Amino acid sequence: MLPFDIHAAKNIASAQQFREDPDLLAVHAEIKSLDPRGLRFAAVLRDTIDQLLNGEVTGRYDWSTLYKTERTHAGTLVEINLQREFKFTDGLAMDYQIAGVEVDCKYSQKFGGWMIPPEARGHVCLLVWADDYKSKWSAGLFRVREEWLNQGSNRDAKITIKAEHRNKIFWLWQNEKLAENILLHMNPSDRAAVYSLKSGQQRLNELFRRVQQRRIGRNVIRTVAQQKDYMKRVRGNGGSRSALKPEGILIMGDYDSHRSVADLLGLPAPREGEFVSARVARRRPHHQDARQVLLDGEDWVLATPADPPEPAPSLPTHTK
């Protein structure tokens, strides 16, 4: 007997619910073929939020600090960036043509807050939601029908979907994990300590001290450093990697050799453009159950609070 796959079962049930709308099925199938796991879609949403925050210039990391005009512009940026990523054809009446079907793209930071314009009635909408505070995102397809919409409208005559009819959304992905905005979610006192320092290099060093064993993305580095050569500030030869080595802190990047070190230590492996820091110690008898990695001819483990600081070993030669 084949193992029961609840996600596959949900997909089949969902497809059966919408089997009378071949356009929805066709668009759904086309997007899924382009991005089976939603990784590209999720990356576009993360990058778009970061683009709006513009941390390198503004130092911002929190959606609530955006101006109203910037928040209003978010939907347009999501629409543009999705089209760039997936090369959707321009629509004649709506934003895109996907699988030959006219599709309008609508984004909301508030779930259910999609504003449907009058001209989208009868068409298919790609509904996108991402919440940086919850680190979640969803995307689904919806056939716009008058009876499924709220009657109240704003001055642009845009209307929303009735809550009881959100079950008419044919989900592509629902409540998926959005890459974490580290600065938003880190301990407030740790964040204050990072931002209390004057130079970008000092701020980065403090970030890697205080946020260990978690992936830190390129945009976080850019926001904290607020310098054009921000990636250089992480590496050796004067960057955070050499500055923190005397304290026993390793900073692993997105090289295969560094990912291997992270895996052996039981840490999340850095993905493209990411770093993971961790304090290590030479293996001693009290580390008998700890995972280890061989570096500089010795076995190293993740340091415990009881382990005194000691200089960290060198990371392996970079390979991709």
Protein backbone atom coordinates (compact mmCIF):
# COMPACT_ATOMS: atom_id res chain seq x y z
CA MET A 1 0.00 0.00 0.00
CA LEU A 2 1.29 3.46 -0.89
CA PRO A 3 1.83 5.87 2.05
CA PHE A 4 -1.00 8.34 2.55
CA ASP A 5 0.03 11.84 1.49
CA ILE A 6 -2.32 14.36 3.12
CA HIS A 7 -1.00 17.24 0.99
CA ALA A 8 -1.60 15.31 -2.21
CA ALA A 9 -5.08 14.36 -0.97
CA LYS A 10 -5.88 18.01 -0.29
CA ASN A 11 -4.66 18.97 -3.76
CA ILE A 12 -6.86 16.33 -5.37
CA ALA A 13 -9.89 17.40 -3.34
CA SER A 14 -9.22 21.04 -4.20
CA ALA A 15 -8.88 20.24 -7.91
CA GLN A 16 -12.16 18.31 -7.85
CA GLN A 17 -13.90 21.32 -6.28
CA PHE A 18 -12.79 23.50 -9.22
CA ARG A 19 -13.05 20.91 -12.01
CA GLU A 20 -15.88 22.90 -13.65
CA ASP A 21 -13.51 25.85 -14.16
CA PRO A 22 -10.86 24.64 -16.64
CA ASP A 23 -9.15 28.06 -16.68
CA LEU A 24 -8.40 27.84 -12.97
CA LEU A 25 -7.04 24.32 -13.40
CA ALA A 26 -4.89 25.36 -16.36
CA VAL A 27 -3.38 28.39 -14.59
CA HIS A 28 -2.82 26.36 -11.44
CA ALA A 29 -1.04 23.62 -13.40
CA GLU A 30 1.13 26.11 -15.30
CA ILE A 31 2.34 27.95 -12.18
CA LYS A 32 3.00 24.68 -10.36
CA SER A 33 5.03 23.41 -13.31
CA LEU A 34 7.20 26.53 -13.13
CA ASP A 35 7.64 26.37 -9.35
CA PRO A 36 6.63 22.98 -7.88
CA ARG A 37 7.65 23.79 -4.29
CA GLY A 38 6.94 27.52 -4.29
CA LEU A 39 10.58 28.38 -3.60
CA ARG A 40 10.83 30.93 -6.40
CA PHE A 41 7.52 32.53 -5.41
CA ALA A 42 8.62 32.78 -1.77
CA ALA A 43 11.93 34.34 -2.79
CA VAL A 44 10.14 36.99 -4.85
CA LEU A 45 7.97 37.95 -1.87
CA ARG A 46 10.95 38.14 0.49
CA ASP A 47 12.91 40.23 -2.00
CA THR A 48 9.96 42.54 -2.69
CA ILE A 49 9.41 43.32 1.00
CA ASP A 50 13.14 43.96 1.36
CA GLN A 51 13.06 46.17 -1.74
CA LEU A 52 10.33 48.28 -0.17
CA LEU A 53 12.17 48.58 3.14
CA ASN A 54 15.34 49.60 1.25
CA GLY A 55 17.46 48.88 4.33
CA GLU A 56 20.80 49.76 2.79
CA VAL A 57 19.67 53.39 2.42
CA THR A 58 17.08 53.74 5.20
CA GLY A 59 18.14 51.22 7.85
CA ARG A 60 14.48 50.08 8.06
CA TYR A 61 13.45 46.49 8.81
CA ASP A 62 9.82 46.90 9.91
CA TRP A 63 6.81 47.06 7.56
CA SER A 64 5.07 49.52 9.92
CA THR A 65 7.76 52.12 9.21
CA LEU A 66 6.86 52.29 5.51
CA TYR A 67 5.05 55.37 4.29
CA LYS A 68 1.46 54.91 3.16
CA THR A 69 2.46 55.49 -0.46
CA GLU A 70 5.12 52.77 -0.16
CA ARG A 71 2.64 50.27 1.26
CA THR A 72 0.23 51.12 -1.57
CA HIS A 73 3.04 50.50 -4.06
CA ALA A 74 3.70 47.01 -2.66
CA GLY A 75 1.05 45.39 -4.82
CA THR A 76 2.53 46.86 -7.99
CA LEU A 77 6.03 45.67 -7.04
CA VAL A 78 4.78 42.14 -6.31
CA GLU A 79 3.04 42.09 -9.69
CA ILE A 80 6.15 43.34 -11.52
CA ASN A 81 8.61 41.08 -9.70
CA LEU A 82 6.50 37.95 -10.22
CA GLN A 83 6.31 38.72 -13.94
CA ARG A 84 10.09 39.20 -14.11
CA GLU A 85 10.72 35.93 -12.29
CA PHE A 86 8.26 33.76 -14.20
CA LYS A 87 8.24 35.61 -17.55
CA PHE A 88 4.44 35.76 -17.63
CA THR A 89 3.10 37.20 -20.88
CA ASP A 90 1.42 40.60 -20.66
CA GLY A 91 -2.35 40.33 -20.47
CA LEU A 92 -4.70 42.13 -22.84
CA ALA A 93 -7.32 42.99 -20.22
CA MET A 94 -5.57 41.85 -17.00
CA ASP A 95 -1.98 41.90 -15.73
CA TYR A 96 -0.84 38.58 -17.20
CA GLN A 97 -1.69 35.78 -19.57
CA ILE A 98 -0.90 32.42 -17.97
CA ALA A 99 -1.66 29.25 -19.93
CA GLY A 100 -3.57 31.50 -22.31
CA VAL A 101 -5.83 32.78 -19.51
CA GLU A 102 -6.15 36.46 -18.49
CA VAL A 103 -5.04 36.76 -14.86
CA ASP A 104 -5.05 39.80 -12.56
CA CYS A 105 -2.51 39.90 -9.69
CA LYS A 106 -3.58 41.20 -6.28
CA TYR A 107 -1.38 41.41 -3.18
CA SER A 108 -2.35 42.20 0.41
CA GLN A 109 -0.28 42.28 3.57
CA LYS A 110 -3.53 41.63 5.43
CA PHE A 111 -5.06 38.22 4.74
CA GLY A 112 -8.38 38.65 2.94
CA GLY A 113 -7.67 42.30 2.16
CA TRP A 114 -7.34 41.87 -1.60
CA MET A 115 -8.97 44.80 -3.39
CA ILE A 116 -10.69 43.59 -6.56
CA PRO A 117 -11.22 46.24 -9.27
CA PRO A 118 -14.47 46.35 -11.28
CA GLU A 119 -12.70 45.37 -14.50
CA ALA A 120 -11.61 42.06 -12.95
CA ARG A 121 -15.19 40.77 -12.64
CA GLY A 122 -15.47 37.46 -14.42
CA HIS A 123 -11.70 37.06 -14.65
CA VAL A 124 -9.21 34.95 -12.69
CA CYS A 125 -7.22 36.67 -9.95
CA LEU A 126 -3.89 35.53 -8.55
CA LEU A 127 -4.28 36.41 -4.86
CA VAL A 128 -1.05 36.83 -2.90
CA TRP A 129 -0.59 37.38 0.83
CA ALA A 130 2.64 37.75 2.82
CA ASP A 131 3.04 38.82 6.43
CA ASP A 132 6.53 39.66 7.68
CA TYR A 133 5.39 39.55 11.31
CA LYS A 134 4.02 36.02 10.99
CA SER A 135 6.71 34.91 8.51
CA LYS A 136 3.96 33.34 6.39
CA TRP A 137 2.71 33.65 2.82
CA SER A 138 -0.02 32.22 0.61
CA ALA A 139 -1.01 32.38 -3.05
CA GLY A 140 -4.18 31.14 -4.73
CA LEU A 141 -6.49 31.60 -7.69
CA PHE A 142 -9.98 33.05 -7.54
CA ARG A 143 -12.68 33.43 -10.18
CA VAL A 144 -14.26 36.84 -9.55
CA ARG A 145 -18.04 36.53 -9.28
CA GLU A 146 -20.41 39.26 -8.11
CA GLU A 147 -22.18 37.05 -5.57
CA TRP A 148 -18.88 36.20 -3.84
CA LEU A 149 -17.93 39.84 -3.27
CA ASN A 150 -18.76 42.33 -0.53
CA GLN A 151 -21.13 45.09 -1.62
CA GLY A 152 -19.30 47.95 0.08
CA SER A 153 -16.69 49.63 -2.07
CA ASN A 154 -14.01 52.27 -1.71
CA ARG A 155 -13.71 55.41 -3.82
CA ASP A 156 -12.01 53.42 -6.60
CA ALA A 157 -14.97 50.98 -6.63
CA LYS A 158 -12.64 48.16 -5.55
CA ILE A 159 -14.26 45.48 -3.41
CA THR A 160 -13.19 42.52 -1.29
CA ILE A 161 -14.10 38.84 -1.17
CA LYS A 162 -16.72 37.79 1.38
CA ALA A 163 -15.09 35.85 4.18
CA GLU A 164 -17.48 32.94 3.72
CA HIS A 165 -16.45 32.66 0.08
CA ARG A 166 -12.70 32.43 0.62
CA ASN A 167 -13.24 28.69 0.22
CA LYS A 168 -13.63 29.51 -3.48
CA ILE A 169 -9.90 30.24 -3.63
CA PHE A 170 -7.96 27.47 -5.39
CA TRP A 171 -4.76 27.52 -3.34
CA LEU A 172 -1.37 27.12 -4.96
CA TRP A 173 0.36 27.37 -1.58
CA GLN A 174 -1.18 28.19 1.78
CA ASN A 175 0.48 29.38 4.99
CA GLU A 176 3.96 28.63 3.70
CA LYS A 177 7.06 29.80 5.56
CA LEU A 178 8.37 33.22 4.54
CA ALA A 179 12.12 33.60 5.07
CA GLU A 180 12.50 35.20 8.49
CA ASN A 181 13.22 38.89 8.83
CA ILE A 182 15.91 38.46 11.50
CA LEU A 183 16.03 42.13 12.50
CA LEU A 184 12.27 42.21 13.02
CA HIS A 185 12.14 39.04 15.09
CA MET A 186 15.35 39.18 17.12
CA ASN A 187 15.36 39.97 20.83
CA PRO A 188 14.67 43.73 21.20
CA SER A 189 17.56 44.23 23.63
CA ASP A 190 19.94 42.47 21.24
CA ARG A 191 18.69 44.60 18.36
CA ALA A 192 19.18 47.76 20.42
CA ALA A 193 22.74 46.67 21.21
CA VAL A 194 23.46 46.20 17.50
CA TYR A 195 22.03 49.57 16.51
CA SER A 196 23.75 51.41 19.36
CA LEU A 197 27.10 51.08 17.59
CA LYS A 198 28.25 53.77 15.19
CA SER A 199 30.13 51.96 12.44
CA GLY A 200 28.64 49.42 10.06
CA GLN A 201 31.46 46.98 10.80
CA GLN A 202 30.86 47.16 14.55
CA ARG A 203 27.13 46.63 14.03
CA LEU A 204 27.75 43.54 11.90
CA ASN A 205 30.17 42.10 14.44
CA GLU A 206 27.56 42.55 17.18
CA LEU A 207 24.86 41.02 14.99
CA PHE A 208 26.88 37.83 14.49
CA ARG A 209 27.67 37.72 18.22
CA ARG A 210 24.03 37.99 19.24
CA VAL A 211 22.24 36.10 16.47
CA GLN A 212 23.89 32.70 16.36
CA GLN A 213 22.78 29.40 14.84
CA ARG A 214 20.22 31.17 12.60
CA ARG A 215 20.37 32.04 8.93
CA ILE A 216 21.18 35.70 8.30
CA GLY A 217 20.42 36.86 4.77
CA ARG A 218 22.11 39.35 2.48
CA ASN A 219 19.46 41.99 3.05
CA VAL A 220 19.99 41.89 6.82
CA ILE A 221 23.72 42.39 6.25
CA ARG A 222 22.98 45.29 3.90
CA THR A 223 20.57 46.90 6.36
CA VAL A 224 22.89 46.66 9.36
CA ALA A 225 26.06 47.71 7.52
CA GLN A 226 24.44 50.47 5.42
CA GLN A 227 27.54 50.44 3.23
CA LYS A 228 28.05 49.69 -0.46
CA ASP A 229 30.66 46.99 0.20
CA TYR A 230 28.53 45.28 2.85
CA MET A 231 29.41 41.68 1.88
CA LYS A 232 33.12 42.44 2.25
CA ARG A 233 32.37 43.43 5.85
CA VAL A 234 31.46 39.81 6.68
CA ARG A 235 34.49 38.03 5.31
CA GLY A 236 38.05 37.66 6.64
CA ASN A 237 40.82 40.22 6.20
CA GLY A 238 39.25 42.73 8.54
CA GLY A 239 35.60 41.67 8.31
CA SER A 240 33.42 40.06 10.97
CA ARG A 241 34.84 36.60 10.29
CA SER A 242 38.36 37.67 11.35
CA ALA A 243 37.12 40.05 14.08
CA LEU A 244 35.13 37.33 15.87
CA LYS A 245 37.57 34.45 15.37
CA PRO A 246 39.42 35.22 18.65
CA GLU A 247 36.08 34.81 20.47
CA GLY A 248 35.60 31.33 18.99
CA ILE A 249 32.88 32.38 16.56
CA LEU A 250 32.72 30.83 13.11
CA ILE A 251 30.76 32.55 10.34
CA MET A 252 29.78 30.07 7.64
CA GLY A 253 28.74 31.32 4.21
CA ASP A 254 27.02 29.77 1.21
CA TYR A 255 30.01 27.71 0.04
CA ASP A 256 29.64 23.94 -0.12
CA SER A 257 32.55 23.51 2.28
CA HIS A 258 30.93 25.88 4.80
CA ARG A 259 27.54 24.20 4.41
CA SER A 260 29.22 20.88 5.20
CA VAL A 261 30.63 22.33 8.46
CA ALA A 262 27.18 23.62 9.41
CA ASP A 263 25.59 20.23 8.65
CA LEU A 264 28.14 18.36 10.74
CA LEU A 265 27.54 20.71 13.68
CA GLY A 266 23.76 20.35 13.35
CA LEU A 267 23.25 23.94 12.26
CA PRO A 268 20.96 25.26 9.50
CA ALA A 269 23.07 25.30 6.35
CA PRO A 270 23.41 28.75 4.75
CA ARG A 271 21.51 29.11 1.49
CA GLU A 272 22.56 31.43 -1.31
CA GLY A 273 23.51 34.85 0.09
CA GLU A 274 23.17 33.68 3.71
CA PHE A 275 25.46 33.29 6.72
CA VAL A 276 25.25 31.33 9.98
CA SER A 277 27.43 32.13 12.99
CA ALA A 278 28.16 29.91 15.96
CA ARG A 279 30.65 29.79 18.83
CA VAL A 280 32.67 26.57 18.87
CA ALA A 281 35.00 24.81 21.30
CA ARG A 282 37.54 22.01 21.07
CA ARG A 283 35.92 18.69 21.85
CA ARG A 284 36.42 17.68 25.50
CA PRO A 285 35.09 14.77 27.60
CA HIS A 286 31.94 16.63 28.63
CA HIS A 287 31.02 16.99 24.92
CA GLN A 288 30.64 13.23 24.47
CA ASP A 289 27.13 13.47 22.91
CA ALA A 290 27.82 16.57 20.81
CA ARG A 291 28.07 16.62 17.03
CA GLN A 292 31.56 17.41 15.81
CA VAL A 293 33.56 18.60 12.82
CA LEU A 294 37.25 18.18 12.04
CA LEU A 295 38.94 21.55 11.46
CA ASP A 296 42.66 22.40 11.62
CA GLY A 297 43.34 18.79 12.58
CA GLU A 298 41.14 18.84 15.71
CA ASP A 299 37.55 17.99 16.57
CA TRP A 300 35.28 20.97 17.29
CA VAL A 301 31.75 21.15 18.71
CA LEU A 302 29.22 23.87 19.41
CA ALA A 303 30.34 25.62 22.59
CA THR A 304 28.23 25.38 25.70
CA PRO A 305 27.87 28.30 28.17
CA ALA A 306 30.39 26.50 30.38
CA ASP A 307 33.08 26.47 27.67
CA PRO A 308 35.51 29.39 27.93
CA PRO A 309 36.12 31.38 24.74
CA GLU A 310 39.03 30.18 22.62
CA PRO A 311 40.12 31.16 19.11
CA ALA A 312 38.07 29.47 16.43
CA PRO A 313 39.68 27.24 13.79
CA SER A 314 39.88 28.20 10.14
CA LEU A 315 37.01 27.28 7.86
CA PRO A 316 37.74 25.05 4.85
CA THR A 317 38.75 26.44 1.49
CA HIS A 318 35.81 27.97 -0.38
CA THR A 319 34.12 25.73 -2.92
CA LYS A 320 30.72 26.10 -4.56
